[in-house]
Protein backbone atom coordinates (compact mmCIF):
# COMPACT_ATOMS: atom_id res chain seq x y z
CA MET A 1 -19.97 -12.08 -0.10
CA SER A 2 -19.89 -13.19 3.54
CA ARG A 3 -16.98 -15.59 2.90
CA LEU A 4 -15.10 -12.90 1.02
CA GLY A 5 -15.78 -10.50 3.85
CA ASN A 6 -14.31 -12.87 6.40
CA GLN A 7 -11.19 -13.26 4.29
CA ALA A 8 -10.90 -9.52 3.74
CA ALA A 9 -11.32 -8.86 7.47
CA VAL A 10 -8.71 -11.44 8.43
CA LEU A 11 -6.31 -10.15 5.78
CA SER A 12 -6.90 -6.52 6.78
CA MET A 13 -6.26 -7.30 10.43
CA ALA A 14 -3.15 -9.29 9.49
CA ARG A 15 -1.77 -6.50 7.35
CA LEU A 16 -2.65 -3.90 9.95
CA ALA A 17 -0.72 -5.93 12.50
CA ASN A 18 2.18 -6.12 10.07
CA TYR A 19 2.15 -2.41 9.36
CA GLY A 20 1.81 -1.78 13.06
CA LEU A 21 5.18 -3.47 13.42
CA MET A 22 6.50 -1.47 10.47
CA LEU A 23 5.35 1.79 12.03
CA LEU A 24 7.15 1.00 15.27
CA SER A 25 10.51 1.15 13.52
CA PRO A 26 10.41 4.87 12.60
CA MET A 27 9.01 5.70 16.05
CA ILE A 28 12.09 4.10 17.59
CA LEU A 29 14.60 5.31 15.01
CA VAL A 30 13.65 9.00 15.36
CA ARG A 31 14.58 8.71 19.04
CA ILE A 32 17.96 7.11 18.23
CA LEU A 33 19.11 8.93 15.09
CA PRO A 34 19.40 12.67 14.40
CA VAL A 35 16.92 14.10 11.88
CA ALA A 36 19.48 14.21 9.05
CA ALA A 37 20.66 10.64 9.72
CA PHE A 38 17.08 9.37 9.76
CA GLY A 39 16.61 11.21 6.48
CA ARG A 40 19.60 9.36 4.98
CA TYR A 41 18.09 6.03 6.01
CA ARG A 42 14.80 7.01 4.43
CA GLU A 43 16.70 8.07 1.31
CA PHE A 44 18.01 4.50 0.98
CA LEU A 45 14.44 3.20 1.34
CA VAL A 46 13.22 5.60 -1.35
CA TYR A 47 15.75 4.26 -3.85
CA THR A 48 15.06 0.63 -2.97
CA SER A 49 11.27 1.07 -3.03
CA LEU A 50 11.37 2.59 -6.49
CA LEU A 51 13.77 0.00 -7.91
CA ILE A 52 11.79 -2.83 -6.30
CA ALA A 53 8.67 -1.62 -8.09
CA PHE A 54 10.53 -1.64 -11.42
CA ALA A 55 12.27 -4.96 -10.74
CA ALA A 56 9.22 -6.87 -9.50
CA PHE A 57 6.99 -5.22 -12.14
CA ASN A 58 4.00 -6.52 -10.18
CA ILE A 59 4.49 -9.85 -11.94
CA ASN A 60 3.64 -11.94 -8.89
CA ASP A 61 0.31 -10.15 -8.55
CA SER A 62 -0.68 -11.79 -11.82
CA LEU A 63 -1.00 -15.01 -9.79
CA LEU A 64 -4.22 -13.56 -8.36
CA TYR A 65 -5.63 -13.81 -11.88
CA PHE A 66 -3.89 -16.87 -13.36
CA ILE A 67 -4.09 -19.31 -10.45
CA PRO A 68 -7.92 -19.06 -10.24
CA ALA A 69 -8.11 -19.21 -14.03
CA HIS A 70 -5.71 -22.20 -14.31
CA ALA A 71 -6.05 -23.95 -10.98
CA GLN A 72 -4.56 -27.26 -12.25
CA SER A 73 -1.31 -25.56 -13.27
CA ARG A 74 -0.52 -23.67 -10.09
CA TRP A 75 3.19 -24.49 -9.78
CA ARG A 76 3.93 -24.06 -13.48
CA ILE A 77 2.43 -20.57 -13.29
CA ILE A 78 4.49 -19.80 -10.18
CA GLN A 79 7.63 -21.03 -11.96
CA GLN A 80 6.91 -18.75 -14.89
CA SER A 81 6.38 -15.78 -12.58
CA THR A 82 9.64 -16.50 -10.79
CA ILE A 83 11.59 -16.61 -14.06
CA LEU A 84 9.97 -13.38 -15.25
CA VAL A 85 10.81 -11.60 -11.98
CA ALA A 86 14.43 -12.80 -12.17
CA CYS A 87 14.85 -11.51 -15.73
CA SER A 88 13.16 -8.22 -14.91
CA SER A 89 15.10 -7.59 -11.69
CA PHE A 90 18.56 -8.29 -13.15
CA ALA A 91 17.82 -6.09 -16.18
CA ILE A 92 16.55 -3.19 -14.06
CA VAL A 93 19.41 -3.35 -11.57
CA ALA A 94 22.00 -3.48 -14.37
CA PHE A 95 20.38 -0.47 -16.04
CA ALA A 96 20.28 1.49 -12.77
CA ILE A 97 23.96 0.82 -12.11
CA ALA A 98 24.95 1.87 -15.62
CA LEU A 99 22.82 5.02 -15.48
CA ASP A 100 24.15 6.09 -12.07
CA LEU A 101 27.75 5.54 -13.15
CA ALA A 102 27.11 7.51 -16.34
CA LEU A 103 25.68 10.36 -14.24
CA LYS A 104 28.68 10.16 -11.87
CA GLY A 105 26.56 9.24 -8.86
CA ALA A 106 23.92 11.94 -9.30
CA LEU A 107 21.09 9.39 -9.31
CA ILE A 108 21.77 7.16 -6.27
CA GLY A 109 25.35 7.93 -5.26
CA ASN A 110 26.90 6.17 -2.28
CA PHE A 111 23.91 3.87 -1.91
CA LEU A 112 24.28 2.43 -5.44
CA PHE A 113 25.73 -1.03 -4.83
CA PRO A 114 23.96 -1.73 -1.50
CA THR A 115 20.70 -0.72 -3.19
CA ALA A 116 21.35 -3.02 -6.16
CA ILE A 117 22.17 -6.02 -3.98
CA TYR A 118 19.22 -5.43 -1.66
CA VAL A 119 16.73 -5.14 -4.53
CA LEU A 120 17.85 -8.40 -6.12
CA LEU A 121 17.60 -10.24 -2.83
CA PHE A 122 14.24 -8.69 -1.92
CA VAL A 123 12.19 -9.33 -5.06
CA ASN A 124 13.31 -12.78 -6.18
CA VAL A 125 11.46 -15.97 -5.17
CA ASP A 126 8.86 -13.94 -3.30
CA PHE A 127 5.60 -15.23 -4.79
CA TRP A 128 4.19 -16.68 -1.57
CA GLU A 129 1.75 -13.95 -0.59
CA SER A 130 0.05 -13.77 -3.99
CA SER A 131 -0.15 -17.55 -4.37
CA TRP A 132 -1.73 -18.02 -0.94
CA LEU A 133 -4.19 -15.20 -1.53
CA ALA A 134 -5.19 -16.68 -4.87
CA ASP A 135 -6.06 -19.85 -2.94
CA HIS A 136 -7.98 -17.88 -0.27
CA ARG A 137 -5.44 -18.61 2.48
CA PRO A 138 -4.89 -15.38 4.46
CA VAL A 139 -3.46 -17.09 7.57
CA PRO A 140 -0.16 -18.20 5.93
CA VAL A 141 0.11 -14.68 4.50
CA PHE A 142 -0.12 -13.29 8.01
CA LEU A 143 2.51 -15.65 9.38
CA TYR A 144 4.95 -15.08 6.51
CA THR A 145 4.66 -11.31 6.30
CA THR A 146 4.63 -10.80 10.05
CA GLY A 147 7.72 -12.94 10.57
CA ARG A 148 9.58 -11.20 7.77
CA LEU A 149 8.64 -7.75 8.97
CA LEU A 150 9.42 -8.47 12.60
CA ALA A 151 12.87 -9.75 11.62
CA ARG A 152 13.54 -6.60 9.59
CA MET A 153 12.44 -4.34 12.42
CA ILE A 154 14.63 -6.12 14.96
CA VAL A 155 17.66 -6.00 12.66
CA VAL A 156 17.25 -2.29 11.90
CA VAL A 157 16.65 -1.23 15.50
CA VAL A 158 19.48 -3.35 16.93
CA ALA A 159 21.91 -2.06 14.30
CA ALA A 160 20.83 1.54 14.98
CA ILE A 161 21.16 1.22 18.75
CA THR A 162 24.53 -0.51 18.67
CA THR A 163 26.25 1.46 15.90
CA HIS A 164 24.22 4.60 15.00
CA ASN A 165 25.67 3.99 11.54
CA ILE A 166 23.47 4.05 8.41
CA ALA A 167 25.83 1.84 6.41
CA THR A 168 25.70 -0.84 9.10
CA ILE A 169 21.90 -0.71 9.13
CA VAL A 170 21.80 -1.11 5.34
CA TRP A 171 24.20 -4.06 5.23
CA SER A 172 22.35 -5.73 8.10
CA LEU A 173 19.18 -5.61 6.00
CA ILE A 174 21.08 -7.12 3.07
CA ALA A 175 22.27 -10.00 5.26
CA LEU A 176 18.71 -10.63 6.44
CA GLU A 177 17.33 -10.72 2.90
CA SER A 178 20.07 -13.20 1.93
CA VAL A 179 18.77 -15.58 4.59
CA ARG A 180 15.18 -15.00 3.46
CA LEU A 181 16.02 -15.77 -0.16
CA ALA A 182 17.84 -18.99 0.72
CA GLY A 183 14.94 -20.22 2.85
CA SER A 184 12.42 -19.29 0.17
CA VAL A 185 14.28 -21.25 -2.51
CA ILE A 186 14.35 -24.35 -0.30
CA ALA A 187 10.63 -24.05 0.54
CA TRP A 188 9.77 -23.55 -3.14
CA LYS A 189 11.64 -26.67 -4.22
CA VAL A 190 9.97 -28.75 -1.51
CA SER A 191 6.44 -27.40 -2.09
CA SER A 192 6.50 -27.65 -5.88
CA LYS A 193 6.92 -31.44 -5.65
CA ILE A 194 3.62 -31.85 -3.84
CA GLU A 195 1.48 -31.38 -6.94
CA ASP A 196 1.97 -32.60 -10.50
CA ARG A 197 2.57 -29.80 -12.96
CA GLN A 198 -0.03 -29.84 -15.68
CA PRO A 199 1.08 -29.05 -19.25
CA LEU A 200 0.36 -25.54 -20.43
CA THR A 201 0.27 -23.96 -23.84
CA ASN A 202 0.67 -20.29 -24.73
CA LEU A 203 0.51 -19.21 -21.08
CA TRP A 204 3.79 -17.32 -21.32
CA ARG A 205 2.24 -14.95 -23.82
CA ALA A 206 -0.97 -14.61 -21.80
CA GLN A 207 0.93 -13.82 -18.61
CA LEU A 208 3.15 -11.28 -20.36
CA GLN A 209 0.13 -9.65 -21.95
CA PHE A 210 -1.44 -9.34 -18.49
CA CYS A 211 1.72 -8.19 -16.71
CA MET A 212 3.06 -5.66 -19.18
CA PRO A 213 0.30 -3.05 -18.93
CA TRP A 214 -0.47 -3.69 -15.25
CA GLY A 215 3.20 -3.75 -14.31
CA THR A 216 3.84 -0.59 -16.29
CA ALA A 217 0.93 1.07 -14.51
CA VAL A 218 2.27 0.08 -11.09
CA VAL A 219 5.78 1.27 -11.98
CA LEU A 220 4.46 4.61 -13.19
CA ALA A 221 2.29 4.95 -10.08
CA MET A 222 5.25 4.15 -7.81
CA THR A 223 7.40 6.62 -9.72
CA SER A 224 4.77 9.29 -9.25
CA ARG A 225 4.38 8.43 -5.56
CA ASN A 226 8.13 8.49 -4.90
CA LEU A 227 8.93 11.41 -7.16
CA GLY A 228 8.10 13.83 -4.36
CA ASN A 229 10.57 12.05 -2.06
CA ILE A 230 13.33 12.29 -4.66
CA VAL A 231 12.64 15.95 -5.41
CA VAL A 232 12.55 16.78 -1.70
CA VAL A 233 15.87 15.07 -0.91
CA LYS A 234 17.62 16.46 -3.99
CA LEU A 235 16.37 20.03 -3.60
CA LEU A 236 15.72 20.42 0.13
CA GLY A 237 18.04 17.86 1.76
CA THR A 238 17.81 14.78 3.96
CA ALA A 239 16.28 16.62 6.93
CA ALA A 240 13.38 17.78 4.75
CA LEU A 241 12.93 14.20 3.55
CA ALA A 242 12.70 13.08 7.18
CA TYR A 243 9.92 15.62 7.83
CA TYR A 244 8.12 14.67 4.63
CA THR A 245 8.37 10.94 5.42
CA ILE A 246 6.90 11.36 8.89
CA GLY A 247 4.06 13.43 7.44
CA LEU A 248 3.21 10.47 5.19
CA TYR A 249 3.74 8.08 8.08
CA GLY A 250 0.32 6.45 7.83
CA GLU A 251 0.58 5.64 4.13
CA PRO A 252 1.35 1.90 4.64
CA ILE A 253 -1.72 1.50 6.88
CA ILE A 254 -4.00 3.10 4.30
CA ALA A 255 -2.57 0.87 1.58
CA ALA A 256 -3.04 -2.18 3.81
CA ILE A 257 -6.71 -1.44 4.43
CA ARG A 258 -7.61 -0.74 0.82
CA ASN A 259 -5.45 -3.40 -0.80
CA SER A 260 -6.61 -6.15 1.55
CA LEU A 261 -10.18 -5.86 0.34
CA SER A 262 -9.11 -5.41 -3.29
CA THR A 263 -6.80 -8.43 -3.13
CA VAL A 264 -9.62 -10.64 -1.88
CA LEU A 265 -12.18 -9.28 -4.35
CA LEU A 266 -10.07 -9.63 -7.50
CA PRO A 267 -10.05 -13.47 -7.75
CA GLN A 268 -13.79 -13.56 -7.03
CA MET A 269 -14.51 -10.91 -9.67
CA VAL A 270 -12.42 -12.90 -12.17
CA ARG A 271 -14.49 -16.02 -11.47
CA GLN A 272 -17.75 -14.08 -11.88
CA GLY A 273 -16.61 -12.19 -14.96
CA SER A 274 -17.86 -14.74 -17.46
CA SER A 275 -21.35 -14.78 -15.98
CA SER A 276 -22.27 -11.15 -15.34
CA THR A 277 -20.59 -7.77 -15.67
CA GLU A 278 -23.24 -6.24 -13.42
CA GLU A 279 -22.53 -8.76 -10.66
CA ARG A 280 -18.83 -7.96 -10.87
CA LEU A 281 -19.59 -4.25 -10.54
CA ARG A 282 -21.98 -4.89 -7.64
CA VAL A 283 -19.25 -6.62 -5.64
CA TRP A 284 -16.81 -3.81 -6.46
CA ARG A 285 -19.27 -1.07 -5.44
CA ARG A 286 -19.87 -2.66 -2.04
CA GLY A 287 -16.11 -2.83 -1.58
CA ILE A 288 -15.85 0.91 -2.33
CA VAL A 289 -18.46 1.73 0.31
CA VAL A 290 -16.70 -0.48 2.86
CA ASN A 291 -13.47 1.42 2.17
CA CYS A 292 -15.33 4.69 2.74
CA VAL A 293 -16.79 3.46 6.04
CA ILE A 294 -13.29 2.60 7.24
CA LEU A 295 -11.32 5.56 5.89
CA PHE A 296 -13.66 8.60 6.00
CA PRO A 297 -13.61 8.81 9.82
CA LEU A 298 -9.84 8.31 9.80
CA VAL A 299 -9.54 11.41 7.62
CA ILE A 300 -11.44 13.52 10.15
CA VAL A 301 -9.48 12.23 13.15
CA LEU A 302 -6.07 12.69 11.50
CA ALA A 303 -6.87 16.16 10.22
CA ARG A 304 -8.07 17.24 13.67
CA TYR A 305 -5.33 15.64 15.76
CA ALA A 306 -2.35 15.85 13.39
CA GLU A 307 -0.34 18.21 15.60
CA PRO A 308 -0.58 16.41 18.97
CA LEU A 309 -0.13 13.07 17.24
CA ILE A 310 3.11 14.09 15.48
CA LEU A 311 4.56 15.93 18.46
CA ARG A 312 3.82 13.19 20.95
CA VAL A 313 4.91 10.24 18.82
CA PHE A 314 7.94 11.74 17.05
CA GLY A 315 8.90 14.74 19.16
CA GLY A 316 8.95 18.49 18.74
CA SER A 317 11.73 18.40 16.16
CA TYR A 318 9.23 16.96 13.66
CA ARG A 319 6.71 19.82 13.89
CA PRO A 320 7.12 20.61 10.13
CA SER A 321 5.50 17.21 9.45
CA VAL A 322 2.14 18.32 10.85
CA LEU A 323 1.03 20.23 7.75
CA VAL A 324 2.15 17.38 5.49
CA LEU A 325 -0.02 14.93 7.46
CA GLN A 326 -3.05 17.23 7.25
CA ILE A 327 -2.62 17.52 3.48
CA TYR A 328 -2.14 13.77 3.22
CA THR A 329 -5.65 13.18 4.57
CA LEU A 330 -6.86 14.22 1.10
CA VAL A 331 -4.87 11.33 -0.36
CA ILE A 332 -6.70 9.02 2.04
CA LEU A 333 -9.99 10.19 0.54
CA ARG A 334 -8.77 9.25 -2.90
CA GLU A 335 -7.60 5.82 -1.68
CA CYS A 336 -11.18 4.88 -0.83
CA PHE A 337 -11.84 4.42 -4.53
CA ASP A 338 -9.93 1.54 -6.11
CA MET A 339 -10.93 2.19 -9.69
CA THR A 340 -8.58 -0.48 -11.05
CA LEU A 341 -10.51 -3.56 -9.93
CA PRO A 342 -13.23 -3.64 -12.66
CA LEU A 343 -10.55 -3.25 -15.32
CA ARG A 344 -8.14 -5.81 -13.84
CA SER A 345 -10.89 -8.40 -13.32
CA ALA A 346 -11.90 -8.00 -16.98
CA ASN A 347 -8.22 -8.21 -18.08
CA ARG A 348 -8.46 -4.66 -19.47
CA THR A 349 -5.22 -3.29 -18.09
CA MET A 350 -4.14 -0.75 -20.71
CA PRO A 351 -6.23 2.05 -19.14
CA LEU A 352 -4.19 1.54 -15.97
CA VAL A 353 -1.06 2.55 -17.86
CA GLN A 354 -2.79 5.57 -19.33
CA SER A 355 -4.08 6.71 -15.93
CA SER A 356 -0.64 6.31 -14.41
CA VAL A 357 0.81 8.51 -17.14
CA VAL A 358 -1.86 11.11 -16.37
CA GLY A 359 -1.03 11.00 -12.65
CA LEU A 360 2.71 11.19 -13.28
CA LEU A 361 2.41 14.18 -15.59
CA VAL A 362 0.18 16.04 -13.14
CA ASN A 363 2.62 15.26 -10.34
CA VAL A 364 5.63 16.51 -12.32
CA VAL A 365 3.93 19.77 -13.23
CA CYS A 366 2.77 20.38 -9.66
CA LEU A 367 6.19 19.55 -8.19
CA ILE A 368 7.89 21.99 -10.54
CA PHE A 369 5.63 24.83 -9.45
CA LEU A 370 4.86 23.98 -5.82
CA VAL A 371 8.05 22.62 -4.21
CA PRO A 372 10.15 25.76 -4.81
CA ARG A 373 7.32 27.86 -3.37
CA ALA A 374 5.87 25.67 -0.60
CA GLY A 375 8.62 23.14 0.21
CA ILE A 376 7.47 19.78 1.57
CA ALA A 377 3.85 20.98 1.70
CA GLY A 378 4.08 21.54 -2.06
CA ALA A 379 5.27 17.96 -2.54
CA ALA A 380 2.29 16.68 -0.53
CA LEU A 381 -0.14 18.82 -2.57
CA SER A 382 1.39 17.42 -5.76
CA LEU A 383 0.70 13.90 -4.51
CA VAL A 384 -2.93 14.83 -3.87
CA ALA A 385 -3.41 16.38 -7.31
CA ALA A 386 -1.85 13.40 -9.07
CA GLY A 387 -3.99 10.91 -7.15
CA PHE A 388 -7.28 12.61 -7.94
CA ALA A 389 -6.37 13.12 -11.61
CA GLU A 390 -5.60 9.42 -11.90
CA ALA A 391 -8.84 8.39 -10.15
CA ILE A 392 -11.01 10.61 -12.36
CA TYR A 393 -9.46 9.23 -15.53
CA LEU A 394 -9.84 5.63 -14.32
CA GLY A 395 -13.48 6.27 -13.40
CA TRP A 396 -14.14 7.48 -16.92
CA CYS A 397 -12.45 4.36 -18.34
CA VAL A 398 -14.48 2.02 -16.12
CA ALA A 399 -17.71 3.76 -17.16
CA ARG A 400 -16.78 3.47 -20.82
CA VAL A 401 -15.75 -0.21 -20.62
CA SER A 402 -18.85 -1.11 -18.58
CA LYS A 403 -21.10 0.98 -20.84
CA ILE A 404 -22.64 2.96 -18.00
CA SER A 405 -22.76 6.65 -17.16
CA MET A 406 -20.56 8.28 -14.53
CA ALA A 407 -23.72 8.93 -12.52
CA ARG A 408 -24.31 5.16 -12.25
CA LEU A 409 -20.67 4.24 -11.76
CA LEU A 410 -20.71 4.34 -7.96
CA PRO A 411 -23.42 4.35 -5.24
CA TRP A 412 -23.05 8.09 -4.74
CA GLY A 413 -26.03 8.32 -2.40
CA VAL A 414 -24.61 5.78 0.06
CA ILE A 415 -21.16 7.38 -0.15
CA ALA A 416 -22.71 10.76 0.62
CA LYS A 417 -24.37 9.29 3.72
CA VAL A 418 -21.02 7.95 4.95
CA ALA A 419 -19.38 11.34 4.33
CA LEU A 420 -22.21 13.13 6.15
CA ALA A 421 -21.87 10.82 9.15
CA ALA A 422 -18.10 11.38 9.28
CA ILE A 423 -18.42 15.17 9.11
CA VAL A 424 -21.31 15.54 11.57
CA ALA A 425 -19.69 13.22 14.10
CA GLY A 426 -16.64 15.49 13.95
CA ALA A 427 -18.49 17.97 16.16
CA VAL A 428 -17.60 15.87 19.22
CA ILE A 429 -13.85 16.43 18.72
CA LEU A 430 -14.02 20.02 17.48
CA SER A 431 -13.23 21.42 20.93
CA ASN A 432 -9.70 21.38 22.41
CA VAL A 433 -11.05 20.05 25.72
CA TRP A 434 -9.99 16.49 24.96
CA THR A 435 -6.30 17.23 24.53
CA LYS A 436 -6.02 20.21 26.89
CA SER A 437 -7.45 18.45 29.91
CA MET A 438 -6.23 14.89 29.33
CA GLY A 439 -3.30 15.19 26.90
CA PHE A 440 -2.57 12.23 24.65
CA PHE A 441 -5.06 10.04 26.54
CA GLY A 442 -7.71 12.62 25.69
CA LEU A 443 -6.82 12.29 22.02
CA ALA A 444 -7.44 8.54 22.20
CA LEU A 445 -10.64 8.96 24.21
CA GLY A 446 -11.93 11.67 21.89
CA SER A 447 -11.27 9.41 18.91
CA VAL A 448 -13.25 6.59 20.53
CA VAL A 449 -16.17 8.92 21.24
CA TYR A 450 -16.00 10.19 17.66
CA MET A 451 -16.06 6.66 16.23
CA THR A 452 -19.03 5.78 18.44
CA ALA A 453 -20.92 8.83 17.15
CA PHE A 454 -19.95 7.98 13.58
CA TRP A 455 -21.24 4.40 13.79
CA LEU A 456 -24.44 5.57 15.47
CA LEU A 457 -25.05 7.98 12.59
CA LEU A 458 -24.38 5.21 10.07
CA TRP A 459 -27.05 3.14 11.81
CA LEU A 460 -29.50 6.04 11.79
CA LEU A 461 -28.80 6.71 8.11
CA ARG A 462 -29.28 2.99 7.34
CA VAL A 463 -25.97 2.33 5.58
CA PRO A 464 -26.06 -1.47 4.94
CA GLU A 465 -22.30 -1.82 4.48
CA ALA A 466 -21.77 -0.71 8.09
CA GLY A 467 -23.58 -3.80 9.35
CA LEU A 468 -21.76 -5.92 6.79
CA LEU A 469 -18.39 -4.60 7.96
CA TRP A 470 -19.31 -5.12 11.61
CA GLY A 471 -20.21 -8.74 10.88
CA TRP A 472 -16.91 -9.31 9.04
CA ALA A 473 -14.90 -7.84 11.90
CA THR A 474 -16.63 -9.82 14.64
CA ARG A 475 -16.33 -13.08 12.70
CA ALA A 476 -12.65 -12.37 12.00
CA LEU A 477 -12.08 -11.80 15.71
CA ARG A 478 -13.75 -15.10 16.53
CA ILE A 479 -11.66 -16.88 13.89
CA GLY A 480 -8.48 -15.30 15.27
CA ALA A 481 -9.42 -16.22 18.83
CA SER A 482 -10.19 -19.83 17.90
CA LYS A 483 -6.90 -20.21 16.01
CA SER A 484 -4.94 -18.82 18.95
CA GLY A 485 -6.76 -21.12 21.40
CA LEU A 486 -8.38 -18.28 23.36
């Protein structure tokens, strides 16, 4: 578990650094572009994000399962994944174009062809992250993703500053992805010659059987997650989408924290699956508690300081985003519990599809009733309801597959201790003295004091995962310092 912890810590820090770069882009763009123009840019990203999920179909994530299971056939598996992604992406893009033309532009509109081109360039020959993670190599992941993200940020910001034109920004991104795809093809051809490809039999069917339910689940989840964005922009306009987007500003960071640990745990749980179901669940439960230790205090801080954070970082024109951010903290609570890992590690992926359908249906019903009455806050509440419905259903499925009761599913006592520590420590930031007397610096100082109180309470309550997480973080820092020559 210590080795896995080191990898998870390094990967989490790498992804946090990456998302830190990603979060800088909106902070700069809101200062350059008017609210409506920023909303149009985010509209393009909504369409591309949704189509990318359909086109990629999470096929490359199957490498996390198949490379550990078939280590001697690494490049043949990668080749299969690349072919599957190509077929999927061209089919999805063709369907989207036909549907939008049939609807006379009501689906995507002016962004149709730029979106189609961008999606094809973005998803193809992009297996590197999953293949490196399957081999327990987080450092190349950091270098690749950071370089790619930094290039995107520079291109977007430079295009916005020089032209203030959304179309120019979009086509600049397309040009960048063209360069990325060309370089990736060259690197793939060179790298695949290093190892001999071992003969495989019937792996196409096995990979499709793995990808179809899991990919469908991811697509449905992405549809549910982006449905609020689409409803907001279609019913309330691009300015409302800009407010809604800023309210969900921290979503990539939350995903980075949770997915980093899950990505590292999955290959290990696959390797242990044949020996002991209980051992697989033990590793997963500790991962859940670690997520809670990281995210519970973040919920308290964001809920308390949502208003000064939004107003200081994005300006007074984004005040409507404050309530959305406060509601979104409930989504962060749900993200602590990755209920998919026990099912994915056991190659039981059909419940993931079923849970995604449950979440999507709940989201649709809530959006229909809440958005007309509560606007962007209603869209955020719909996201919360869908997330919790999905988690509850998945928890029931895990309990049924593992043949245990819901009471034994998770270490509820330890989770309750973490929640108690997060809530009690919140007393130190309850007063307005931090922000009134010291402004934004007081917000940062108050958060540091809060985190100190939280970790002290974890120590007093004897939460073992707190010490485990501290050890991972300090070792990751030493590894990072040694690699940088410090």
